[in-house]
Amino acid sequence: MQSLLPGALGAQLCAASHFVQYSKLAAREGCHEQQALAADRCARRLKRKSLGLPISAFTDIDSAATSETSMIRVSILYPNTGGSRFDLSYYVKTHMPMSIKLLSAHPGFKGVSVEHGLGGAVPGSEPAYIAMCHFLFDSVKDFLEAFTPNAQALQSDMPNYTDIVPVIQFNDVLISQ
């Protein structure tokens, strides 16, 4: 099973060379807070780039990142692959209540949703994902502070409900109503 360590989570967020440099330095020093800050910084830069805003227009990217009031969504997606096992009942009744209890203790936790795929765009087709979980946090740093101390408990429970390696994606929430 794929390890979901904080460094790997951050690496999924941003593969840019500056993040890799921050992450390696922080990992060497054992400082997960620096990894989270680097991930936040990188996400904000990518957001600006995707919106067509020049990164150079922001003289102090770090202070801009901390003054923004956006949220992040951590999506954990379980691909619907043939021959795989996913116990939805266990996931909803046991694993997710444990996850919510552990992660919601952090003040940066804003909410969670759990979804079960019903079908694809074509009527009668299989869903791309059998299940999805979306955590809302104030920042990547907040998510990592909530997740890291509980990673072992959460990851060791995964074989109880699935053999699927989840796809994990960090998202900057731009619109939420």
N, C-alpha and C. Protein backbone atom coordinates (compact mmCIF):
# COMPACT_ATOMS: atom_id res chain seq x y z
N MET A 1 0.85 -1.18 0.00
CA MET A 1 0.00 0.00 0.00
C MET A 1 0.89 1.23 0.00
N GLN A 2 0.47 2.25 -0.72
CA GLN A 2 1.22 3.50 -0.85
C GLN A 2 1.19 4.26 0.47
N SER A 3 2.35 4.76 0.87
CA SER A 3 2.43 5.55 2.09
C SER A 3 1.90 6.95 1.84
N LEU A 4 1.17 7.50 2.80
CA LEU A 4 0.60 8.84 2.66
C LEU A 4 1.25 9.77 3.69
N LEU A 5 2.57 9.78 3.73
CA LEU A 5 3.28 10.63 4.67
C LEU A 5 3.13 12.09 4.29
N PRO A 6 3.28 13.00 5.25
CA PRO A 6 3.12 14.43 4.96
C PRO A 6 3.94 14.91 3.78
N GLY A 7 5.19 14.46 3.64
CA GLY A 7 6.01 14.87 2.51
C GLY A 7 5.40 14.42 1.20
N ALA A 8 4.87 13.20 1.16
CA ALA A 8 4.23 12.68 -0.05
C ALA A 8 2.95 13.46 -0.35
N LEU A 9 2.21 13.82 0.69
CA LEU A 9 1.00 14.61 0.48
C LEU A 9 1.37 15.96 -0.12
N GLY A 10 2.39 16.58 0.43
CA GLY A 10 2.83 17.86 -0.09
C GLY A 10 3.34 17.74 -1.51
N ALA A 11 4.03 16.64 -1.81
CA ALA A 11 4.55 16.44 -3.16
C ALA A 11 3.42 16.30 -4.16
N GLN A 12 2.31 15.66 -3.75
CA GLN A 12 1.16 15.57 -4.65
C GLN A 12 0.58 16.94 -4.91
N LEU A 13 0.65 17.80 -3.93
CA LEU A 13 0.12 19.15 -4.09
C LEU A 13 0.89 19.92 -5.14
N CYS A 14 2.21 19.82 -5.16
CA CYS A 14 3.01 20.64 -6.05
C CYS A 14 4.33 19.99 -6.35
N ALA A 15 4.63 19.77 -7.61
CA ALA A 15 5.88 19.15 -8.01
C ALA A 15 6.90 20.18 -8.44
N ALA A 16 6.61 21.45 -8.26
CA ALA A 16 7.53 22.51 -8.67
C ALA A 16 8.84 22.39 -7.92
N SER A 17 9.92 22.77 -8.57
CA SER A 17 11.25 22.57 -7.99
C SER A 17 11.43 23.32 -6.68
N HIS A 18 10.86 24.54 -6.55
CA HIS A 18 11.03 25.27 -5.30
C HIS A 18 10.38 24.54 -4.14
N PHE A 19 9.24 23.88 -4.37
CA PHE A 19 8.61 23.12 -3.30
C PHE A 19 9.44 21.92 -2.93
N VAL A 20 9.98 21.24 -3.91
CA VAL A 20 10.82 20.08 -3.64
C VAL A 20 12.01 20.48 -2.78
N GLN A 21 12.61 21.62 -3.09
CA GLN A 21 13.73 22.10 -2.30
C GLN A 21 13.31 22.39 -0.86
N TYR A 22 12.20 23.09 -0.67
CA TYR A 22 11.71 23.37 0.68
C TYR A 22 11.41 22.06 1.41
N SER A 23 10.74 21.14 0.72
CA SER A 23 10.32 19.89 1.34
C SER A 23 11.51 19.05 1.76
N LYS A 24 12.52 18.94 0.91
CA LYS A 24 13.71 18.15 1.26
C LYS A 24 14.42 18.75 2.47
N LEU A 25 14.56 20.06 2.48
CA LEU A 25 15.19 20.73 3.60
C LEU A 25 14.38 20.50 4.87
N ALA A 26 13.08 20.69 4.78
CA ALA A 26 12.22 20.52 5.96
C ALA A 26 12.24 19.07 6.45
N ALA A 27 12.22 18.11 5.52
CA ALA A 27 12.25 16.70 5.91
C ALA A 27 13.57 16.37 6.61
N ARG A 28 14.66 16.90 6.07
CA ARG A 28 15.97 16.67 6.66
C ARG A 28 16.01 17.22 8.09
N GLU A 29 15.35 18.34 8.29
CA GLU A 29 15.34 18.98 9.60
C GLU A 29 14.20 18.45 10.47
N GLY A 30 13.33 17.59 9.91
CA GLY A 30 12.21 17.04 10.66
C GLY A 30 11.13 18.06 10.96
N CYS A 31 10.98 19.05 10.09
CA CYS A 31 10.03 20.13 10.36
C CYS A 31 8.86 20.05 9.38
N HIS A 32 7.78 19.42 9.82
CA HIS A 32 6.61 19.28 8.96
C HIS A 32 5.88 20.60 8.77
N GLU A 33 6.03 21.53 9.73
CA GLU A 33 5.40 22.84 9.60
C GLU A 33 5.96 23.58 8.38
N GLN A 34 7.28 23.49 8.17
CA GLN A 34 7.88 24.14 7.01
C GLN A 34 7.39 23.49 5.72
N GLN A 35 7.18 22.16 5.72
CA GLN A 35 6.64 21.49 4.55
C GLN A 35 5.25 22.02 4.23
N ALA A 36 4.43 22.17 5.25
CA ALA A 36 3.07 22.66 5.05
C ALA A 36 3.07 24.09 4.52
N LEU A 37 3.94 24.94 5.10
CA LEU A 37 4.01 26.32 4.63
C LEU A 37 4.47 26.38 3.18
N ALA A 38 5.44 25.53 2.81
CA ALA A 38 5.91 25.49 1.43
C ALA A 38 4.80 25.02 0.51
N ALA A 39 4.02 24.04 0.95
CA ALA A 39 2.91 23.55 0.13
C ALA A 39 1.86 24.64 -0.07
N ASP A 40 1.53 25.37 1.02
CA ASP A 40 0.59 26.48 0.91
C ASP A 40 1.11 27.53 -0.07
N ARG A 41 2.38 27.89 0.06
CA ARG A 41 2.99 28.90 -0.80
C ARG A 41 2.90 28.47 -2.27
N CYS A 42 3.22 27.21 -2.52
CA CYS A 42 3.20 26.69 -3.88
C CYS A 42 1.77 26.67 -4.44
N ALA A 43 0.81 26.25 -3.62
CA ALA A 43 -0.58 26.23 -4.07
C ALA A 43 -1.06 27.61 -4.46
N ARG A 44 -0.72 28.60 -3.67
CA ARG A 44 -1.12 29.97 -3.97
C ARG A 44 -0.49 30.45 -5.28
N ARG A 45 0.79 30.09 -5.49
CA ARG A 45 1.46 30.48 -6.74
C ARG A 45 0.79 29.82 -7.93
N LEU A 46 0.48 28.53 -7.80
CA LEU A 46 -0.18 27.83 -8.90
C LEU A 46 -1.57 28.42 -9.17
N LYS A 47 -2.28 28.80 -8.10
CA LYS A 47 -3.60 29.41 -8.26
C LYS A 47 -3.48 30.70 -9.06
N ARG A 48 -2.51 31.55 -8.68
CA ARG A 48 -2.33 32.81 -9.38
C ARG A 48 -1.99 32.57 -10.85
N LYS A 49 -1.11 31.60 -11.10
CA LYS A 49 -0.71 31.30 -12.47
C LYS A 49 -1.92 30.80 -13.27
N SER A 50 -2.73 29.92 -12.67
CA SER A 50 -3.89 29.38 -13.39
C SER A 50 -4.93 30.45 -13.69
N LEU A 51 -4.98 31.49 -12.86
CA LEU A 51 -5.92 32.59 -13.07
C LEU A 51 -5.34 33.67 -13.99
N GLY A 52 -4.10 33.44 -14.45
CA GLY A 52 -3.47 34.39 -15.35
C GLY A 52 -2.85 35.58 -14.65
N LEU A 53 -2.66 35.46 -13.34
CA LEU A 53 -2.05 36.55 -12.59
C LEU A 53 -0.55 36.32 -12.51
N PRO A 54 0.26 37.33 -12.82
CA PRO A 54 1.71 37.15 -12.75
C PRO A 54 2.17 37.02 -11.30
N ILE A 55 2.94 35.98 -11.03
CA ILE A 55 3.46 35.77 -9.69
C ILE A 55 4.32 36.96 -9.27
N SER A 56 5.04 37.55 -10.21
CA SER A 56 5.93 38.66 -9.90
C SER A 56 5.16 39.90 -9.41
N ALA A 57 3.86 39.94 -9.65
CA ALA A 57 3.06 41.09 -9.20
C ALA A 57 2.91 41.10 -7.68
N PHE A 58 3.24 40.00 -7.05
CA PHE A 58 3.11 39.90 -5.60
C PHE A 58 4.50 39.93 -5.00
N THR A 59 4.84 41.05 -4.36
CA THR A 59 6.20 41.22 -3.85
C THR A 59 6.48 40.33 -2.66
N ASP A 60 5.48 40.08 -1.82
CA ASP A 60 5.70 39.23 -0.67
C ASP A 60 4.70 38.09 -0.70
N ILE A 61 5.07 37.02 -1.39
CA ILE A 61 4.17 35.89 -1.60
C ILE A 61 3.78 35.24 -0.28
N ASP A 62 4.71 35.20 0.68
CA ASP A 62 4.41 34.55 1.95
C ASP A 62 3.36 35.32 2.74
N SER A 63 3.48 36.65 2.82
CA SER A 63 2.49 37.40 3.56
C SER A 63 1.16 37.41 2.82
N ALA A 64 1.20 37.41 1.48
CA ALA A 64 -0.05 37.34 0.71
C ALA A 64 -0.76 36.02 0.97
N ALA A 65 0.02 34.94 1.06
CA ALA A 65 -0.58 33.62 1.29
C ALA A 65 -1.24 33.54 2.65
N THR A 66 -0.64 34.14 3.66
CA THR A 66 -1.22 34.05 4.99
C THR A 66 -2.38 35.01 5.19
N SER A 67 -2.49 36.06 4.36
CA SER A 67 -3.57 37.02 4.56
C SER A 67 -4.82 36.65 3.76
N GLU A 68 -4.73 35.70 2.84
CA GLU A 68 -5.90 35.30 2.07
C GLU A 68 -6.85 34.52 2.98
N THR A 69 -8.12 34.56 2.69
CA THR A 69 -9.11 33.92 3.55
C THR A 69 -9.75 32.72 2.87
N SER A 70 -9.03 32.06 1.98
CA SER A 70 -9.59 30.91 1.29
C SER A 70 -9.48 29.65 2.14
N MET A 71 -10.15 28.63 1.70
CA MET A 71 -10.07 27.31 2.31
C MET A 71 -9.44 26.35 1.32
N ILE A 72 -9.00 25.23 1.86
CA ILE A 72 -8.53 24.16 0.97
C ILE A 72 -9.44 22.95 1.17
N ARG A 73 -9.53 22.16 0.11
CA ARG A 73 -10.29 20.91 0.16
C ARG A 73 -9.30 19.80 -0.14
N VAL A 74 -9.26 18.81 0.72
CA VAL A 74 -8.44 17.63 0.49
C VAL A 74 -9.39 16.54 0.02
N SER A 75 -9.22 16.13 -1.24
CA SER A 75 -10.09 15.11 -1.83
C SER A 75 -9.36 13.78 -1.82
N ILE A 76 -10.03 12.77 -1.28
CA ILE A 76 -9.51 11.41 -1.26
C ILE A 76 -10.47 10.59 -2.12
N LEU A 77 -9.97 10.18 -3.29
CA LEU A 77 -10.81 9.54 -4.29
C LEU A 77 -10.41 8.08 -4.46
N TYR A 78 -11.38 7.19 -4.44
CA TYR A 78 -11.12 5.76 -4.61
C TYR A 78 -11.59 5.34 -6.00
N PRO A 79 -10.63 5.13 -6.93
CA PRO A 79 -11.00 4.76 -8.30
C PRO A 79 -11.79 3.45 -8.33
N ASN A 80 -12.75 3.39 -9.22
CA ASN A 80 -13.59 2.22 -9.39
C ASN A 80 -12.90 1.28 -10.38
N THR A 81 -11.98 0.48 -9.85
CA THR A 81 -11.22 -0.43 -10.70
C THR A 81 -11.75 -1.84 -10.57
N GLY A 82 -11.82 -2.55 -11.70
CA GLY A 82 -12.31 -3.92 -11.71
C GLY A 82 -11.48 -4.82 -10.82
N GLY A 83 -12.15 -5.68 -10.07
CA GLY A 83 -11.46 -6.64 -9.22
C GLY A 83 -11.01 -6.10 -7.89
N SER A 84 -11.25 -4.82 -7.62
CA SER A 84 -10.84 -4.26 -6.34
C SER A 84 -11.95 -4.45 -5.31
N ARG A 85 -11.58 -4.27 -4.05
CA ARG A 85 -12.52 -4.46 -2.95
C ARG A 85 -12.73 -3.13 -2.24
N PHE A 86 -13.99 -2.78 -1.98
CA PHE A 86 -14.33 -1.59 -1.21
C PHE A 86 -15.59 -1.88 -0.41
N ASP A 87 -15.45 -1.92 0.92
CA ASP A 87 -16.56 -2.18 1.82
C ASP A 87 -17.17 -0.84 2.24
N LEU A 88 -18.18 -0.41 1.51
CA LEU A 88 -18.78 0.91 1.74
C LEU A 88 -19.39 1.02 3.13
N SER A 89 -20.02 -0.05 3.61
CA SER A 89 -20.63 -0.02 4.93
C SER A 89 -19.58 0.24 6.01
N TYR A 90 -18.47 -0.48 5.97
CA TYR A 90 -17.39 -0.27 6.94
C TYR A 90 -16.84 1.15 6.82
N TYR A 91 -16.65 1.61 5.60
CA TYR A 91 -16.10 2.93 5.36
C TYR A 91 -16.97 4.02 5.99
N VAL A 92 -18.28 3.93 5.77
CA VAL A 92 -19.21 4.95 6.25
C VAL A 92 -19.50 4.82 7.75
N LYS A 93 -19.59 3.59 8.24
CA LYS A 93 -19.99 3.40 9.64
C LYS A 93 -18.83 3.34 10.63
N THR A 94 -17.62 3.03 10.14
CA THR A 94 -16.50 2.85 11.06
C THR A 94 -15.33 3.78 10.74
N HIS A 95 -14.79 3.69 9.52
CA HIS A 95 -13.58 4.45 9.19
C HIS A 95 -13.84 5.97 9.19
N MET A 96 -14.87 6.41 8.53
CA MET A 96 -15.10 7.85 8.44
C MET A 96 -15.47 8.47 9.78
N PRO A 97 -16.29 7.85 10.62
CA PRO A 97 -16.51 8.44 11.95
C PRO A 97 -15.20 8.58 12.75
N MET A 98 -14.30 7.58 12.62
CA MET A 98 -13.01 7.69 13.29
C MET A 98 -12.20 8.84 12.69
N SER A 99 -12.17 8.95 11.37
CA SER A 99 -11.44 10.02 10.70
C SER A 99 -11.97 11.39 11.12
N ILE A 100 -13.27 11.52 11.12
CA ILE A 100 -13.90 12.80 11.48
C ILE A 100 -13.59 13.16 12.92
N LYS A 101 -13.68 12.18 13.82
CA LYS A 101 -13.37 12.44 15.23
C LYS A 101 -11.93 12.92 15.39
N LEU A 102 -10.99 12.27 14.73
CA LEU A 102 -9.58 12.61 14.87
C LEU A 102 -9.23 13.96 14.22
N LEU A 103 -9.70 14.17 13.00
CA LEU A 103 -9.31 15.38 12.26
C LEU A 103 -10.10 16.62 12.67
N SER A 104 -11.34 16.43 13.09
CA SER A 104 -12.16 17.60 13.46
C SER A 104 -11.74 18.22 14.79
N ALA A 105 -10.86 17.56 15.52
CA ALA A 105 -10.35 18.13 16.76
C ALA A 105 -9.46 19.34 16.50
N HIS A 106 -8.95 19.47 15.28
CA HIS A 106 -8.09 20.61 14.94
C HIS A 106 -8.96 21.83 14.65
N PRO A 107 -8.57 23.01 15.15
CA PRO A 107 -9.39 24.21 14.92
C PRO A 107 -9.49 24.64 13.45
N GLY A 108 -8.58 24.18 12.59
CA GLY A 108 -8.64 24.53 11.17
C GLY A 108 -9.61 23.68 10.38
N PHE A 109 -10.19 22.66 10.99
CA PHE A 109 -11.16 21.78 10.34
C PHE A 109 -12.46 22.55 10.11
N LYS A 110 -12.98 22.50 8.88
CA LYS A 110 -14.21 23.24 8.56
C LYS A 110 -15.36 22.34 8.15
N GLY A 111 -15.08 21.11 7.75
CA GLY A 111 -16.16 20.22 7.36
C GLY A 111 -15.67 19.03 6.56
N VAL A 112 -16.59 18.15 6.27
CA VAL A 112 -16.26 16.94 5.50
C VAL A 112 -17.52 16.48 4.77
N SER A 113 -17.32 15.88 3.61
CA SER A 113 -18.43 15.20 2.94
C SER A 113 -17.91 13.87 2.43
N VAL A 114 -18.77 12.89 2.41
CA VAL A 114 -18.45 11.55 1.92
C VAL A 114 -19.48 11.22 0.86
N GLU A 115 -19.00 10.74 -0.28
CA GLU A 115 -19.90 10.45 -1.40
C GLU A 115 -19.66 9.05 -1.94
N HIS A 116 -20.71 8.47 -2.48
CA HIS A 116 -20.65 7.16 -3.12
C HIS A 116 -21.01 7.34 -4.58
N GLY A 117 -20.12 6.90 -5.48
CA GLY A 117 -20.37 7.04 -6.91
C GLY A 117 -21.55 6.20 -7.37
N LEU A 118 -22.45 6.82 -8.12
CA LEU A 118 -23.63 6.11 -8.63
C LEU A 118 -23.49 5.70 -10.09
N GLY A 119 -22.84 6.52 -10.90
CA GLY A 119 -22.70 6.21 -12.32
C GLY A 119 -21.94 7.30 -13.03
N GLY A 120 -21.58 7.01 -14.27
CA GLY A 120 -20.86 7.97 -15.10
C GLY A 120 -21.82 8.86 -15.87
N ALA A 121 -21.27 9.65 -16.79
CA ALA A 121 -22.06 10.59 -17.58
C ALA A 121 -23.02 9.87 -18.52
N VAL A 122 -22.62 8.73 -19.02
CA VAL A 122 -23.46 7.95 -19.92
C VAL A 122 -24.39 7.08 -19.06
N PRO A 123 -25.70 7.14 -19.29
CA PRO A 123 -26.63 6.34 -18.50
C PRO A 123 -26.23 4.86 -18.49
N GLY A 124 -26.20 4.29 -17.29
CA GLY A 124 -25.86 2.89 -17.13
C GLY A 124 -24.36 2.61 -17.01
N SER A 125 -23.53 3.63 -17.17
CA SER A 125 -22.08 3.41 -17.07
C SER A 125 -21.64 3.44 -15.60
N GLU A 126 -20.50 2.83 -15.35
CA GLU A 126 -19.94 2.76 -14.01
C GLU A 126 -19.36 4.12 -13.59
N PRO A 127 -19.39 4.43 -12.31
CA PRO A 127 -18.78 5.68 -11.86
C PRO A 127 -17.25 5.58 -11.95
N ALA A 128 -16.60 6.70 -12.15
CA ALA A 128 -15.13 6.72 -12.18
C ALA A 128 -14.56 6.42 -10.80
N TYR A 129 -15.27 6.84 -9.76
CA TYR A 129 -14.82 6.63 -8.38
C TYR A 129 -15.91 5.94 -7.59
N ILE A 130 -15.53 4.91 -6.85
CA ILE A 130 -16.49 4.17 -6.03
C ILE A 130 -16.91 4.99 -4.81
N ALA A 131 -15.96 5.76 -4.28
CA ALA A 131 -16.25 6.61 -3.12
C ALA A 131 -15.29 7.79 -3.13
N MET A 132 -15.73 8.87 -2.48
CA MET A 132 -14.93 10.08 -2.37
C MET A 132 -15.15 10.69 -0.99
N CYS A 133 -14.08 11.25 -0.46
CA CYS A 133 -14.15 11.98 0.80
C CYS A 133 -13.49 13.33 0.56
N HIS A 134 -14.12 14.38 1.05
CA HIS A 134 -13.60 15.74 0.87
C HIS A 134 -13.56 16.44 2.23
N PHE A 135 -12.33 16.70 2.71
CA PHE A 135 -12.15 17.44 3.95
C PHE A 135 -11.91 18.91 3.64
N LEU A 136 -12.53 19.79 4.39
CA LEU A 136 -12.30 21.24 4.27
C LEU A 136 -11.49 21.70 5.47
N PHE A 137 -10.40 22.42 5.18
CA PHE A 137 -9.55 22.99 6.21
C PHE A 137 -9.21 24.42 5.82
N ASP A 138 -8.78 25.20 6.79
CA ASP A 138 -8.35 26.57 6.52
C ASP A 138 -7.12 26.60 5.63
N SER A 139 -6.21 25.64 5.80
CA SER A 139 -4.96 25.64 5.04
C SER A 139 -4.39 24.23 4.98
N VAL A 140 -3.43 24.03 4.09
CA VAL A 140 -2.72 22.76 4.02
C VAL A 140 -2.01 22.51 5.34
N LYS A 141 -1.44 23.56 5.90
CA LYS A 141 -0.75 23.45 7.19
C LYS A 141 -1.70 22.89 8.25
N ASP A 142 -2.92 23.41 8.31
CA ASP A 142 -3.90 22.92 9.28
C ASP A 142 -4.23 21.45 9.03
N PHE A 143 -4.41 21.09 7.76
CA PHE A 143 -4.69 19.68 7.46
C PHE A 143 -3.54 18.79 7.94
N LEU A 144 -2.32 19.16 7.61
CA LEU A 144 -1.17 18.34 8.00
C LEU A 144 -1.02 18.27 9.52
N GLU A 145 -1.31 19.35 10.22
CA GLU A 145 -1.26 19.32 11.68
C GLU A 145 -2.31 18.37 12.25
N ALA A 146 -3.46 18.28 11.61
CA ALA A 146 -4.51 17.37 12.05
C ALA A 146 -4.20 15.93 11.64
N PHE A 147 -3.71 15.75 10.41
CA PHE A 147 -3.50 14.41 9.86
C PHE A 147 -2.26 13.71 10.41
N THR A 148 -1.14 14.41 10.47
CA THR A 148 0.14 13.78 10.78
C THR A 148 0.12 12.96 12.08
N PRO A 149 -0.40 13.49 13.20
CA PRO A 149 -0.38 12.67 14.42
C PRO A 149 -1.33 11.47 14.35
N ASN A 150 -2.25 11.47 13.39
CA ASN A 150 -3.23 10.40 13.27
C ASN A 150 -3.02 9.52 12.05
N ALA A 151 -1.96 9.79 11.30
CA ALA A 151 -1.71 9.06 10.05
C ALA A 151 -1.64 7.56 10.25
N GLN A 152 -0.93 7.10 11.26
CA GLN A 152 -0.77 5.67 11.49
C GLN A 152 -2.13 5.00 11.72
N ALA A 153 -2.95 5.59 12.59
CA ALA A 153 -4.26 5.01 12.89
C ALA A 153 -5.15 4.96 11.65
N LEU A 154 -5.17 6.05 10.89
CA LEU A 154 -6.03 6.12 9.71
C LEU A 154 -5.55 5.17 8.61
N GLN A 155 -4.25 5.16 8.37
CA GLN A 155 -3.72 4.31 7.30
C GLN A 155 -3.80 2.83 7.65
N SER A 156 -3.59 2.50 8.91
CA SER A 156 -3.64 1.08 9.29
C SER A 156 -5.06 0.53 9.23
N ASP A 157 -6.06 1.39 9.21
CA ASP A 157 -7.45 0.93 9.10
C ASP A 157 -7.87 0.68 7.65
N MET A 158 -7.13 1.21 6.70
CA MET A 158 -7.52 1.10 5.29
C MET A 158 -7.71 -0.34 4.80
N PRO A 159 -6.85 -1.30 5.16
CA PRO A 159 -7.07 -2.68 4.70
C PRO A 159 -8.40 -3.28 5.18
N ASN A 160 -9.00 -2.69 6.21
CA ASN A 160 -10.30 -3.19 6.69
C ASN A 160 -11.43 -2.88 5.73
N TYR A 161 -11.25 -1.90 4.83
CA TYR A 161 -12.33 -1.58 3.91
C TYR A 161 -11.95 -1.57 2.43
N THR A 162 -10.65 -1.54 2.11
CA THR A 162 -10.32 -1.50 0.68
C THR A 162 -8.90 -2.00 0.39
N ASP A 163 -8.70 -2.36 -0.86
CA ASP A 163 -7.36 -2.66 -1.37
C ASP A 163 -7.00 -1.64 -2.46
N ILE A 164 -7.80 -0.60 -2.58
CA ILE A 164 -7.59 0.44 -3.60
C ILE A 164 -6.63 1.50 -3.04
N VAL A 165 -5.67 1.90 -3.86
CA VAL A 165 -4.79 3.02 -3.50
C VAL A 165 -5.53 4.30 -3.89
N PRO A 166 -5.84 5.15 -2.91
CA PRO A 166 -6.62 6.34 -3.23
C PRO A 166 -5.81 7.39 -3.99
N VAL A 167 -6.53 8.20 -4.74
CA VAL A 167 -5.96 9.38 -5.38
C VAL A 167 -6.22 10.53 -4.42
N ILE A 168 -5.17 11.26 -4.06
CA ILE A 168 -5.32 12.37 -3.12
C ILE A 168 -4.99 13.66 -3.85
N GLN A 169 -5.89 14.61 -3.72
CA GLN A 169 -5.69 15.89 -4.39
C GLN A 169 -6.02 17.02 -3.44
N PHE A 170 -5.15 18.03 -3.42
CA PHE A 170 -5.38 19.24 -2.64
C PHE A 170 -5.95 20.29 -3.59
N ASN A 171 -6.98 20.99 -3.13
CA ASN A 171 -7.65 21.99 -3.95
C ASN A 171 -7.78 23.29 -3.18
N ASP A 172 -7.57 24.39 -3.86
CA ASP A 172 -7.84 25.69 -3.28
C ASP A 172 -9.29 26.02 -3.63
N VAL A 173 -10.13 26.20 -2.64
CA VAL A 173 -11.55 26.46 -2.88
C VAL A 173 -11.69 27.91 -3.36
N LEU A 174 -12.17 28.06 -4.59
CA LEU A 174 -12.34 29.40 -5.16
C LEU A 174 -13.77 29.91 -4.98
N ILE A 175 -14.74 29.01 -5.10
CA ILE A 175 -16.15 29.38 -4.93
C ILE A 175 -16.81 28.30 -4.09
N SER A 176 -17.54 28.70 -3.05
CA SER A 176 -18.30 27.77 -2.22
C SER A 176 -19.53 28.50 -1.75
N GLN A 177 -20.69 27.94 -1.99
CA GLN A 177 -21.96 28.58 -1.58
C GLN A 177 -22.73 27.69 -0.65
